Amino acid sequence: MDFSKLSNGDKIALGGGLALFVSSFFPFFGEGGSVEGYGYIGYSTNGWDHNWVWIGLVLALAGVVILALKSLGVTDIKIGTIKAEQFALMLVALGTLLIVIQLLVGWHGISRKWGIFVAVVCAGVTLFGTFTAMKGRGIGLPDADDFRSFGGGGAPPPPPPPPA
């Protein structure tokens, strides 16, 4: 694997993905405080304890892995007319959205801890890096025509116009 093939966007996405993975073990939600005579009593949960967050983490990290494999020339994933970079961007964007939703919704009325804020920032950096890597290769965002290759519709094409 030749790491010199990585663009700045790839490096930002990989760094953000690594930071996102590490931040997933920080405290996200919790309660507690010091109690006289007992010291600190409380608990906290990390990102892997919350459904939306861990699904978002897996999606975002999968997008980073796809981008890294494509950038390093290990494999090229193509789904219909959607390129690997576009697919990676969709995964990272969905993962980031799920983490942000968990931040906004909270968890059973429990206090938010600093870890979820760090994770949101890391997910944003990962999303920015993935977008920059895609744009650096001259690839645009997928549009509706890119999804037509997945099927659907079922209606036959219109008949040709009558001859003049």
N, C-alpha and C. Protein backbone atom coordinates (compact mmCIF):
# COMPACT_ATOMS: atom_id res chain seq x y z
N MET A 1 0.84 -1.17 0.00
CA MET A 1 0.00 0.00 0.00
C MET A 1 0.88 1.23 0.00
N ASP A 2 0.58 2.13 -0.91
CA ASP A 2 1.35 3.35 -1.06
C ASP A 2 0.56 4.52 -0.49
N PHE A 3 0.98 5.01 0.69
CA PHE A 3 0.25 6.08 1.35
C PHE A 3 0.45 7.43 0.67
N SER A 4 1.40 7.51 -0.27
CA SER A 4 1.59 8.77 -0.99
C SER A 4 0.44 9.02 -1.98
N LYS A 5 -0.36 8.01 -2.24
CA LYS A 5 -1.51 8.16 -3.13
C LYS A 5 -2.66 8.92 -2.47
N LEU A 6 -2.59 9.08 -1.16
CA LEU A 6 -3.69 9.73 -0.44
C LEU A 6 -3.68 11.23 -0.68
N SER A 7 -4.85 11.76 -1.02
CA SER A 7 -4.98 13.20 -1.18
C SER A 7 -5.18 13.83 0.20
N ASN A 8 -5.19 15.16 0.24
CA ASN A 8 -5.44 15.84 1.51
C ASN A 8 -6.82 15.49 2.05
N GLY A 9 -7.81 15.40 1.18
CA GLY A 9 -9.15 15.00 1.61
C GLY A 9 -9.17 13.61 2.20
N ASP A 10 -8.42 12.67 1.58
CA ASP A 10 -8.32 11.32 2.13
C ASP A 10 -7.71 11.34 3.52
N LYS A 11 -6.66 12.13 3.68
CA LYS A 11 -5.99 12.20 4.99
C LYS A 11 -6.91 12.80 6.05
N ILE A 12 -7.67 13.83 5.67
CA ILE A 12 -8.61 14.44 6.62
C ILE A 12 -9.69 13.41 7.00
N ALA A 13 -10.21 12.70 6.01
CA ALA A 13 -11.25 11.70 6.28
C ALA A 13 -10.71 10.57 7.16
N LEU A 14 -9.52 10.09 6.87
CA LEU A 14 -8.94 9.01 7.66
C LEU A 14 -8.64 9.47 9.08
N GLY A 15 -8.09 10.67 9.22
CA GLY A 15 -7.82 11.21 10.55
C GLY A 15 -9.10 11.43 11.33
N GLY A 16 -10.11 11.96 10.66
CA GLY A 16 -11.41 12.17 11.31
C GLY A 16 -12.05 10.84 11.70
N GLY A 17 -11.92 9.83 10.84
CA GLY A 17 -12.48 8.52 11.15
C GLY A 17 -11.78 7.87 12.34
N LEU A 18 -10.46 8.02 12.40
CA LEU A 18 -9.71 7.48 13.54
C LEU A 18 -10.11 8.21 14.82
N ALA A 19 -10.21 9.53 14.75
CA ALA A 19 -10.62 10.31 15.92
C ALA A 19 -12.06 9.97 16.32
N LEU A 20 -12.93 9.72 15.34
CA LEU A 20 -14.31 9.34 15.63
C LEU A 20 -14.34 8.00 16.37
N PHE A 21 -13.54 7.06 15.92
CA PHE A 21 -13.49 5.75 16.58
C PHE A 21 -13.01 5.90 18.02
N VAL A 22 -11.95 6.66 18.24
CA VAL A 22 -11.44 6.86 19.59
C VAL A 22 -12.48 7.58 20.46
N SER A 23 -13.13 8.60 19.89
CA SER A 23 -14.11 9.36 20.67
C SER A 23 -15.33 8.54 21.03
N SER A 24 -15.56 7.44 20.34
CA SER A 24 -16.73 6.61 20.65
C SER A 24 -16.63 5.96 22.02
N PHE A 25 -15.45 5.93 22.60
CA PHE A 25 -15.25 5.35 23.93
C PHE A 25 -15.29 6.39 25.04
N PHE A 26 -15.44 7.65 24.70
CA PHE A 26 -15.55 8.71 25.70
C PHE A 26 -16.96 8.69 26.30
N PRO A 27 -17.16 9.34 27.45
CA PRO A 27 -18.51 9.37 28.03
C PRO A 27 -19.45 10.25 27.21
N PHE A 28 -20.59 9.69 26.83
CA PHE A 28 -21.58 10.40 26.03
C PHE A 28 -22.72 10.94 26.90
N PHE A 29 -23.23 10.10 27.77
CA PHE A 29 -24.32 10.47 28.66
C PHE A 29 -24.00 9.92 30.05
N GLY A 30 -24.51 10.57 31.06
CA GLY A 30 -24.29 10.05 32.40
C GLY A 30 -24.84 10.96 33.47
N GLU A 31 -24.78 10.48 34.69
CA GLU A 31 -25.24 11.21 35.87
C GLU A 31 -24.23 10.97 36.97
N GLY A 32 -24.32 11.77 37.97
CA GLY A 32 -23.50 11.53 39.14
C GLY A 32 -22.75 12.75 39.58
N GLY A 33 -22.07 12.58 40.69
CA GLY A 33 -21.28 13.66 41.26
C GLY A 33 -20.69 13.21 42.57
N SER A 34 -20.06 14.11 43.26
CA SER A 34 -19.43 13.78 44.53
C SER A 34 -20.47 13.75 45.65
N VAL A 35 -20.39 12.74 46.48
CA VAL A 35 -21.24 12.61 47.65
C VAL A 35 -20.34 12.58 48.87
N GLU A 36 -20.64 13.41 49.84
CA GLU A 36 -19.77 13.54 51.01
C GLU A 36 -19.58 12.18 51.68
N GLY A 37 -18.35 11.82 51.89
CA GLY A 37 -18.00 10.57 52.54
C GLY A 37 -17.90 9.39 51.60
N TYR A 38 -18.41 9.52 50.38
CA TYR A 38 -18.38 8.39 49.46
C TYR A 38 -17.56 8.67 48.20
N GLY A 39 -17.12 9.86 48.00
CA GLY A 39 -16.38 10.19 46.79
C GLY A 39 -17.33 10.38 45.62
N TYR A 40 -16.87 10.01 44.44
CA TYR A 40 -17.69 10.19 43.23
C TYR A 40 -18.59 8.98 43.04
N ILE A 41 -19.87 9.25 42.92
CA ILE A 41 -20.83 8.18 42.65
C ILE A 41 -21.58 8.58 41.38
N GLY A 42 -21.64 7.69 40.44
CA GLY A 42 -22.34 7.98 39.20
C GLY A 42 -22.01 6.97 38.13
N TYR A 43 -22.45 7.26 36.96
CA TYR A 43 -22.17 6.37 35.84
C TYR A 43 -22.14 7.20 34.57
N SER A 44 -21.57 6.61 33.54
CA SER A 44 -21.61 7.24 32.23
C SER A 44 -21.64 6.13 31.18
N THR A 45 -22.12 6.48 30.02
CA THR A 45 -22.19 5.54 28.91
C THR A 45 -21.40 6.10 27.74
N ASN A 46 -20.86 5.21 26.92
CA ASN A 46 -20.12 5.68 25.75
C ASN A 46 -20.98 5.51 24.50
N GLY A 47 -20.40 5.78 23.34
CA GLY A 47 -21.15 5.75 22.09
C GLY A 47 -21.67 4.39 21.70
N TRP A 48 -21.03 3.33 22.17
CA TRP A 48 -21.45 1.98 21.80
C TRP A 48 -22.64 1.50 22.61
N ASP A 49 -23.09 2.31 23.58
CA ASP A 49 -24.24 1.96 24.40
C ASP A 49 -25.55 2.53 23.86
N HIS A 50 -25.52 3.21 22.74
CA HIS A 50 -26.70 3.89 22.21
C HIS A 50 -26.92 3.46 20.76
N ASN A 51 -28.14 2.99 20.48
CA ASN A 51 -28.44 2.42 19.16
C ASN A 51 -28.11 3.37 18.02
N TRP A 52 -28.62 4.60 18.07
CA TRP A 52 -28.40 5.53 16.95
C TRP A 52 -26.92 5.83 16.79
N VAL A 53 -26.22 5.96 17.90
CA VAL A 53 -24.80 6.32 17.81
C VAL A 53 -23.99 5.17 17.24
N TRP A 54 -24.17 3.97 17.75
CA TRP A 54 -23.31 2.91 17.24
C TRP A 54 -23.63 2.55 15.79
N ILE A 55 -24.89 2.68 15.39
CA ILE A 55 -25.20 2.49 13.97
C ILE A 55 -24.53 3.59 13.14
N GLY A 56 -24.60 4.83 13.62
CA GLY A 56 -23.92 5.94 12.95
C GLY A 56 -22.41 5.75 12.88
N LEU A 57 -21.83 5.26 13.98
CA LEU A 57 -20.39 5.01 13.99
C LEU A 57 -20.00 3.96 12.97
N VAL A 58 -20.74 2.87 12.93
CA VAL A 58 -20.43 1.79 11.98
C VAL A 58 -20.56 2.29 10.55
N LEU A 59 -21.62 3.04 10.25
CA LEU A 59 -21.81 3.57 8.89
C LEU A 59 -20.68 4.52 8.51
N ALA A 60 -20.36 5.46 9.40
CA ALA A 60 -19.30 6.44 9.10
C ALA A 60 -17.95 5.76 8.93
N LEU A 61 -17.65 4.82 9.80
CA LEU A 61 -16.35 4.12 9.70
C LEU A 61 -16.30 3.23 8.46
N ALA A 62 -17.44 2.65 8.07
CA ALA A 62 -17.48 1.86 6.83
C ALA A 62 -17.20 2.75 5.63
N GLY A 63 -17.77 3.95 5.64
CA GLY A 63 -17.49 4.90 4.56
C GLY A 63 -16.02 5.26 4.48
N VAL A 64 -15.39 5.45 5.63
CA VAL A 64 -13.96 5.78 5.65
C VAL A 64 -13.14 4.60 5.13
N VAL A 65 -13.51 3.39 5.50
CA VAL A 65 -12.78 2.21 5.02
C VAL A 65 -12.92 2.08 3.51
N ILE A 66 -14.11 2.30 2.97
CA ILE A 66 -14.31 2.23 1.52
C ILE A 66 -13.46 3.28 0.81
N LEU A 67 -13.44 4.50 1.35
CA LEU A 67 -12.63 5.56 0.76
C LEU A 67 -11.15 5.21 0.82
N ALA A 68 -10.70 4.66 1.94
CA ALA A 68 -9.28 4.30 2.09
C ALA A 68 -8.89 3.18 1.12
N LEU A 69 -9.73 2.16 1.00
CA LEU A 69 -9.43 1.06 0.09
C LEU A 69 -9.37 1.54 -1.36
N LYS A 70 -10.27 2.43 -1.73
CA LYS A 70 -10.27 3.00 -3.09
C LYS A 70 -9.03 3.85 -3.31
N SER A 71 -8.70 4.69 -2.32
CA SER A 71 -7.57 5.62 -2.46
C SER A 71 -6.24 4.90 -2.53
N LEU A 72 -6.13 3.81 -1.79
CA LEU A 72 -4.87 3.06 -1.78
C LEU A 72 -4.78 2.05 -2.92
N GLY A 73 -5.80 1.98 -3.74
CA GLY A 73 -5.77 1.11 -4.90
C GLY A 73 -5.98 -0.36 -4.58
N VAL A 74 -6.51 -0.66 -3.39
CA VAL A 74 -6.73 -2.05 -3.01
C VAL A 74 -7.93 -2.62 -3.76
N THR A 75 -9.01 -1.85 -3.81
CA THR A 75 -10.21 -2.29 -4.49
C THR A 75 -11.01 -1.08 -4.94
N ASP A 76 -11.87 -1.29 -5.92
CA ASP A 76 -12.75 -0.22 -6.37
C ASP A 76 -14.18 -0.74 -6.30
N ILE A 77 -14.97 -0.10 -5.48
CA ILE A 77 -16.36 -0.50 -5.30
C ILE A 77 -17.22 0.39 -6.18
N LYS A 78 -18.11 -0.23 -6.93
CA LYS A 78 -19.02 0.54 -7.77
C LYS A 78 -20.39 -0.09 -7.66
N ILE A 79 -21.37 0.73 -7.35
CA ILE A 79 -22.74 0.25 -7.21
C ILE A 79 -23.56 0.94 -8.29
N GLY A 80 -23.84 0.23 -9.34
CA GLY A 80 -24.53 0.84 -10.47
C GLY A 80 -23.64 1.94 -11.04
N THR A 81 -24.17 3.14 -11.10
CA THR A 81 -23.37 4.26 -11.59
C THR A 81 -22.78 5.09 -10.45
N ILE A 82 -23.01 4.65 -9.21
CA ILE A 82 -22.46 5.37 -8.05
C ILE A 82 -21.04 4.90 -7.80
N LYS A 83 -20.13 5.85 -7.74
CA LYS A 83 -18.72 5.55 -7.52
C LYS A 83 -18.44 5.34 -6.03
N ALA A 84 -17.29 4.76 -5.73
CA ALA A 84 -16.92 4.45 -4.35
C ALA A 84 -16.91 5.71 -3.48
N GLU A 85 -16.41 6.81 -4.00
CA GLU A 85 -16.34 8.05 -3.22
C GLU A 85 -17.74 8.57 -2.87
N GLN A 86 -18.66 8.46 -3.83
CA GLN A 86 -20.03 8.90 -3.59
C GLN A 86 -20.71 8.01 -2.55
N PHE A 87 -20.48 6.72 -2.64
CA PHE A 87 -21.06 5.78 -1.68
C PHE A 87 -20.48 6.03 -0.29
N ALA A 88 -19.17 6.26 -0.22
CA ALA A 88 -18.54 6.57 1.07
C ALA A 88 -19.12 7.85 1.66
N LEU A 89 -19.33 8.86 0.83
CA LEU A 89 -19.91 10.11 1.32
C LEU A 89 -21.32 9.88 1.86
N MET A 90 -22.13 9.07 1.18
CA MET A 90 -23.48 8.79 1.66
C MET A 90 -23.45 8.07 3.00
N LEU A 91 -22.55 7.11 3.16
CA LEU A 91 -22.44 6.40 4.42
C LEU A 91 -22.01 7.32 5.56
N VAL A 92 -20.98 8.13 5.30
CA VAL A 92 -20.49 9.04 6.34
C VAL A 92 -21.55 10.08 6.68
N ALA A 93 -22.26 10.59 5.68
CA ALA A 93 -23.30 11.58 5.94
C ALA A 93 -24.43 10.99 6.78
N LEU A 94 -24.86 9.78 6.46
CA LEU A 94 -25.92 9.14 7.23
C LEU A 94 -25.45 8.86 8.66
N GLY A 95 -24.21 8.38 8.80
CA GLY A 95 -23.66 8.13 10.13
C GLY A 95 -23.57 9.40 10.96
N THR A 96 -23.12 10.48 10.35
CA THR A 96 -23.04 11.77 11.04
C THR A 96 -24.43 12.23 11.46
N LEU A 97 -25.40 12.07 10.58
CA LEU A 97 -26.78 12.47 10.89
C LEU A 97 -27.32 11.70 12.10
N LEU A 98 -27.06 10.41 12.17
CA LEU A 98 -27.55 9.62 13.29
C LEU A 98 -26.90 10.04 14.61
N ILE A 99 -25.62 10.37 14.57
CA ILE A 99 -24.94 10.83 15.79
C ILE A 99 -25.49 12.17 16.24
N VAL A 100 -25.73 13.07 15.29
CA VAL A 100 -26.30 14.38 15.62
C VAL A 100 -27.73 14.22 16.18
N ILE A 101 -28.50 13.30 15.62
CA ILE A 101 -29.85 13.06 16.13
C ILE A 101 -29.78 12.62 17.59
N GLN A 102 -28.85 11.71 17.90
CA GLN A 102 -28.72 11.27 19.29
C GLN A 102 -28.33 12.42 20.21
N LEU A 103 -27.47 13.31 19.72
CA LEU A 103 -27.10 14.49 20.51
C LEU A 103 -28.33 15.35 20.79
N LEU A 104 -29.14 15.59 19.78
CA LEU A 104 -30.31 16.46 19.93
C LEU A 104 -31.42 15.82 20.77
N VAL A 105 -31.64 14.53 20.58
CA VAL A 105 -32.72 13.84 21.27
C VAL A 105 -32.33 13.54 22.72
N GLY A 106 -31.08 13.22 22.95
CA GLY A 106 -30.64 12.87 24.30
C GLY A 106 -30.86 11.40 24.57
N TRP A 107 -30.86 11.06 25.87
CA TRP A 107 -31.02 9.66 26.24
C TRP A 107 -31.70 9.57 27.59
N HIS A 108 -32.96 9.27 27.63
CA HIS A 108 -33.74 9.07 28.85
C HIS A 108 -33.60 10.21 29.86
N GLY A 109 -33.46 11.43 29.39
CA GLY A 109 -33.36 12.56 30.30
C GLY A 109 -32.04 12.65 31.05
N ILE A 110 -31.05 11.87 30.64
CA ILE A 110 -29.75 11.85 31.31
C ILE A 110 -28.88 12.95 30.70
N SER A 111 -27.98 13.49 31.49
CA SER A 111 -27.13 14.61 31.05
C SER A 111 -26.18 14.19 29.92
N ARG A 112 -25.99 15.09 29.01
CA ARG A 112 -25.01 14.88 27.94
C ARG A 112 -23.62 15.13 28.51
N LYS A 113 -22.68 14.28 28.12
CA LYS A 113 -21.29 14.45 28.55
C LYS A 113 -20.47 14.96 27.37
N TRP A 114 -19.25 15.31 27.61
CA TRP A 114 -18.40 15.94 26.61
C TRP A 114 -18.09 15.03 25.43
N GLY A 115 -18.14 13.72 25.60
CA GLY A 115 -17.75 12.80 24.54
C GLY A 115 -18.63 12.87 23.31
N ILE A 116 -19.92 13.09 23.49
CA ILE A 116 -20.80 13.14 22.32
C ILE A 116 -20.54 14.39 21.49
N PHE A 117 -20.13 15.47 22.15
CA PHE A 117 -19.80 16.68 21.40
C PHE A 117 -18.51 16.47 20.59
N VAL A 118 -17.54 15.78 21.19
CA VAL A 118 -16.31 15.46 20.47
C VAL A 118 -16.62 14.56 19.28
N ALA A 119 -17.50 13.59 19.47
CA ALA A 119 -17.86 12.67 18.38
C ALA A 119 -18.55 13.41 17.23
N VAL A 120 -19.40 14.36 17.54
CA VAL A 120 -20.07 15.14 16.49
C VAL A 120 -19.05 15.93 15.68
N VAL A 121 -18.08 16.53 16.36
CA VAL A 121 -17.04 17.29 15.66
C VAL A 121 -16.20 16.34 14.79
N CYS A 122 -15.82 15.20 15.33
CA CYS A 122 -15.02 14.23 14.56
C CYS A 122 -15.80 13.70 13.35
N ALA A 123 -17.10 13.46 13.52
CA ALA A 123 -17.92 13.01 12.40
C ALA A 123 -18.00 14.10 11.33
N GLY A 124 -18.12 15.36 11.77
CA GLY A 124 -18.13 16.47 10.82
C GLY A 124 -16.83 16.58 10.05
N VAL A 125 -15.71 16.39 10.73
CA VAL A 125 -14.40 16.42 10.06
C VAL A 125 -14.31 15.27 9.06
N THR A 126 -14.79 14.11 9.44
CA THR A 126 -14.77 12.95 8.54
C THR A 126 -15.64 13.23 7.31
N LEU A 127 -16.79 13.81 7.51
CA LEU A 127 -17.67 14.15 6.39
C LEU A 127 -17.02 15.18 5.48
N PHE A 128 -16.40 16.19 6.06
CA PHE A 128 -15.71 17.20 5.26
C PHE A 128 -14.57 16.57 4.46
N GLY A 129 -13.78 15.71 5.08
CA GLY A 129 -12.68 15.05 4.38
C GLY A 129 -13.16 14.17 3.25
N THR A 130 -14.24 13.44 3.47
CA THR A 130 -14.78 12.58 2.43
C THR A 130 -15.29 13.40 1.25
N PHE A 131 -15.98 14.50 1.55
CA PHE A 131 -16.48 15.39 0.51
C PHE A 131 -15.31 16.00 -0.27
N THR A 132 -14.27 16.45 0.45
CA THR A 132 -13.10 17.05 -0.20
C THR A 132 -12.38 16.04 -1.09
N ALA A 133 -12.26 14.80 -0.62
CA ALA A 133 -11.61 13.76 -1.43
C ALA A 133 -12.40 13.49 -2.69
N MET A 134 -13.72 13.46 -2.58
CA MET A 134 -14.56 13.22 -3.74
C MET A 134 -14.45 14.36 -4.74
N LYS A 135 -14.53 15.59 -4.27
CA LYS A 135 -14.42 16.75 -5.15
C LYS A 135 -13.02 16.85 -5.76
N GLY A 136 -11.99 16.45 -5.00
CA GLY A 136 -10.62 16.49 -5.51
C GLY A 136 -10.41 15.56 -6.69
N ARG A 137 -11.23 14.53 -6.80
CA ARG A 137 -11.15 13.59 -7.92
C ARG A 137 -12.08 14.00 -9.06
N GLY A 138 -12.75 15.13 -8.90
CA GLY A 138 -13.65 15.61 -9.95
C GLY A 138 -14.97 14.88 -9.99
N ILE A 139 -15.36 14.28 -8.89
CA ILE A 139 -16.61 13.54 -8.82
C ILE A 139 -17.65 14.42 -8.12
N GLY A 140 -18.80 14.52 -8.72
CA GLY A 140 -19.87 15.33 -8.13
C GLY A 140 -20.76 14.51 -7.22
N LEU A 141 -21.69 15.19 -6.60
CA LEU A 141 -22.66 14.50 -5.76
C LEU A 141 -23.56 13.64 -6.64
N PRO A 142 -24.02 12.49 -6.13
CA PRO A 142 -24.92 11.68 -6.93
C PRO A 142 -26.26 12.39 -7.12
N ASP A 143 -26.84 12.20 -8.30
CA ASP A 143 -28.15 12.80 -8.56
C ASP A 143 -29.16 11.68 -8.80
N ALA A 144 -30.37 12.05 -9.13
CA ALA A 144 -31.44 11.07 -9.30
C ALA A 144 -31.12 10.07 -10.41
N ASP A 145 -30.43 10.49 -11.46
CA ASP A 145 -30.10 9.59 -12.56
C ASP A 145 -29.17 8.47 -12.11
N ASP A 146 -28.32 8.74 -11.10
CA ASP A 146 -27.41 7.71 -10.60
C ASP A 146 -28.17 6.57 -9.92
N PHE A 147 -29.35 6.85 -9.42
CA PHE A 147 -30.12 5.83 -8.71
C PHE A 147 -31.08 5.08 -9.62
N ARG A 148 -31.21 5.49 -10.86
CA ARG A 148 -32.12 4.81 -11.80
C ARG A 148 -31.63 3.41 -12.12
N SER A 149 -30.31 3.19 -12.02
CA SER A 149 -29.77 1.88 -12.36
C SER A 149 -30.16 0.83 -11.33
N PHE A 150 -30.74 1.24 -10.19
CA PHE A 150 -31.16 0.29 -9.18
C PHE A 150 -32.51 -0.33 -9.50
N GLY A 151 -33.15 0.13 -10.55
CA GLY A 151 -34.44 -0.42 -10.95
C GLY A 151 -35.58 0.43 -10.43
N GLY A 152 -36.73 -0.16 -10.42
CA GLY A 152 -37.91 0.56 -9.95
C GLY A 152 -38.63 1.18 -11.12
N GLY A 153 -39.73 1.75 -10.84
CA GLY A 153 -40.51 2.40 -11.89
C GLY A 153 -41.39 1.40 -12.61
N GLY A 154 -40.84 0.41 -13.23
CA GLY A 154 -41.57 -0.63 -13.91
C GLY A 154 -42.27 -0.21 -15.18
N ALA A 155 -42.41 1.08 -15.43
CA ALA A 155 -43.11 1.53 -16.62
C ALA A 155 -42.18 1.42 -17.83
N PRO A 156 -42.70 0.94 -18.94
CA PRO A 156 -41.86 0.87 -20.14
C PRO A 156 -41.56 2.27 -20.67
N PRO A 157 -40.50 2.39 -21.45
CA PRO A 157 -40.20 3.71 -22.00
C PRO A 157 -41.28 4.14 -22.98
N PRO A 158 -41.44 5.44 -23.19
CA PRO A 158 -42.47 5.91 -24.11
C PRO A 158 -42.13 5.48 -25.54
N PRO A 159 -43.17 5.35 -26.37
CA PRO A 159 -42.92 4.93 -27.76
C PRO A 159 -42.20 6.05 -28.52
N PRO A 160 -41.48 5.69 -29.56
CA PRO A 160 -40.78 6.72 -30.35
C PRO A 160 -41.80 7.60 -31.08
N PRO A 161 -41.41 8.81 -31.41
CA PRO A 161 -42.34 9.69 -32.13
C PRO A 161 -42.59 9.16 -33.54
N PRO A 162 -43.76 9.49 -34.11
CA PRO A 162 -44.06 9.00 -35.49
C PRO A 162 -43.10 9.66 -36.49
N PRO A 163 -42.82 8.95 -37.56
CA PRO A 163 -41.93 9.54 -38.58
C PRO A 163 -42.58 10.75 -39.25
N ALA A 164 -41.77 11.67 -39.63
CA ALA A 164 -42.29 12.90 -40.24
C ALA A 164 -42.54 12.78 -41.70
